Amino acid sequence: MDCLFCKIIAGEIPSSKVYEDDYVYAFKDINPMAPVHVLVVPKKHIACANDITAENSFEVAKIFEAIPKIASVLGLNNGYRIISNCGPDAEQTVLHLHFHILGGEKLPGKLV
């Protein structure tokens, strides 16, 4: 598989890891849009939200169980935003399900 995030998870491409467990890998975004910008991905390859099924939805649940732990480690005590893009119209540039955690400052209201 020629997936950038799968290669990062496998250690084939370096990343600035901030969290890892059996199901989830989180690392700093290389083009941050906020003072804190972390990507959280399932270790199992799922292309985007359209590919979440009853068989793999627990992978997504594990991500949402990890996000508060990651936010705490990152000091995001005043809040943060979670964003996921799905498909070309949403500008999903890597076809591996991922969630952006953005924070570290008061974020603009128009950034949804």
Protein backbone atom coordinates (compact mmCIF):
# COMPACT_ATOMS: atom_id res chain seq x y z
CA MET A 1 0.00 0.00 0.00
CA ASP A 2 1.32 3.43 -0.90
CA CYS A 3 -0.32 5.38 1.92
CA LEU A 4 1.68 8.22 3.49
CA PHE A 5 0.07 7.80 6.92
CA CYS A 6 0.51 4.01 6.88
CA LYS A 7 4.22 4.62 6.23
CA ILE A 8 4.37 7.12 9.11
CA ILE A 9 2.66 4.63 11.45
CA ALA A 10 5.11 1.91 10.34
CA GLY A 11 8.07 4.20 11.06
CA GLU A 12 9.14 4.31 7.41
CA ILE A 13 8.67 8.09 7.34
CA PRO A 14 9.65 10.19 10.38
CA SER A 15 7.04 12.12 12.33
CA SER A 16 6.78 14.11 15.53
CA LYS A 17 4.78 11.59 17.53
CA VAL A 18 2.68 12.92 20.39
CA TYR A 19 0.66 9.79 21.23
CA GLU A 20 0.47 6.11 20.38
CA ASP A 21 -1.46 3.10 21.62
CA ASP A 22 -2.51 -0.22 20.07
CA TYR A 23 -5.10 1.42 17.79
CA VAL A 24 -4.19 5.10 17.41
CA TYR A 25 -1.20 7.15 16.29
CA ALA A 26 -1.03 10.94 16.68
CA PHE A 27 1.62 13.28 15.33
CA LYS A 28 2.22 16.98 14.69
CA ASP A 29 0.99 18.33 11.36
CA ILE A 30 3.89 19.53 9.19
CA ASN A 31 1.83 22.54 8.01
CA PRO A 32 0.14 23.71 11.22
CA MET A 33 -2.97 25.86 10.98
CA ALA A 34 -2.90 26.73 14.71
CA PRO A 35 -0.27 26.80 17.47
CA VAL A 36 -1.25 23.22 18.24
CA HIS A 37 -2.14 21.10 15.20
CA VAL A 38 -2.02 17.34 15.58
CA LEU A 39 -3.29 14.58 13.30
CA VAL A 40 -4.89 11.54 14.91
CA VAL A 41 -5.16 8.42 12.75
CA PRO A 42 -6.27 4.84 13.20
CA LYS A 43 -3.41 2.39 12.81
CA LYS A 44 -5.68 0.31 10.59
CA HIS A 45 -6.08 1.83 7.14
CA ILE A 46 -9.54 3.32 6.58
CA ALA A 47 -9.65 5.74 3.63
CA CYS A 48 -12.20 8.24 4.99
CA ALA A 49 -15.49 8.50 6.87
CA ASN A 50 -17.30 6.90 3.93
CA ASP A 51 -15.44 3.66 4.66
CA ILE A 52 -16.44 3.36 8.33
CA THR A 53 -18.46 0.19 8.84
CA ALA A 54 -19.87 -1.86 11.70
CA GLU A 55 -16.74 -4.01 11.44
CA ASN A 56 -14.23 -1.15 11.82
CA SER A 57 -16.14 1.53 13.74
CA PHE A 58 -14.42 0.52 16.99
CA GLU A 59 -11.22 1.95 15.44
CA VAL A 60 -12.92 5.35 15.30
CA ALA A 61 -14.21 4.93 18.85
CA LYS A 62 -10.61 4.35 19.97
CA ILE A 63 -9.61 7.63 18.32
CA PHE A 64 -12.30 9.52 20.21
CA GLU A 65 -11.25 7.83 23.44
CA ALA A 66 -7.66 8.98 22.80
CA ILE A 67 -8.43 12.57 21.77
CA PRO A 68 -9.11 13.90 25.33
CA LYS A 69 -5.85 12.26 26.53
CA ILE A 70 -3.93 13.85 23.66
CA ALA A 71 -5.55 17.25 24.27
CA SER A 72 -4.62 17.05 27.95
CA VAL A 73 -0.99 16.20 27.19
CA LEU A 74 -0.89 19.13 24.75
CA GLY A 75 -2.27 21.51 27.40
CA LEU A 76 -5.47 22.30 25.51
CA ASN A 77 -7.37 23.07 28.71
CA ASN A 78 -9.44 25.92 27.21
CA GLY A 79 -10.76 23.82 24.32
CA TYR A 80 -9.86 22.59 20.88
CA ARG A 81 -11.43 21.82 17.53
CA ILE A 82 -11.65 18.41 15.82
CA ILE A 83 -11.92 18.35 12.02
CA SER A 84 -12.01 15.50 9.51
CA ASN A 85 -12.15 15.91 5.75
CA CYS A 86 -13.65 13.24 3.48
CA GLY A 87 -13.09 13.21 -0.26
CA PRO A 88 -11.76 15.62 -2.87
CA ASP A 89 -14.40 18.34 -2.43
CA ALA A 90 -13.40 18.54 1.24
CA GLU A 91 -9.70 18.77 0.28
CA GLN A 92 -8.77 15.42 1.85
CA THR A 93 -5.16 15.19 0.66
CA VAL A 94 -4.21 11.86 2.27
CA LEU A 95 -6.68 9.02 1.79
CA HIS A 96 -6.33 7.65 5.32
CA LEU A 97 -8.98 8.63 7.85
CA HIS A 98 -7.58 11.32 10.12
CA PHE A 99 -8.77 13.89 12.58
CA HIS A 100 -7.13 17.27 13.05
CA ILE A 101 -6.89 18.59 16.60
CA LEU A 102 -6.48 22.36 16.48
CA GLY A 103 -5.94 24.60 19.48
CA GLY A 104 -3.50 26.56 21.55
CA GLU A 105 -5.31 29.86 20.96
CA LYS A 106 -8.84 31.17 20.52
CA LEU A 107 -9.79 29.83 17.09
CA PRO A 108 -11.78 31.85 14.55
CA GLY A 109 -15.51 31.23 14.60
CA LYS A 110 -15.59 30.78 10.82
CA LEU A 111 -13.17 27.85 10.89
CA VAL A 112 -15.56 24.90 10.98
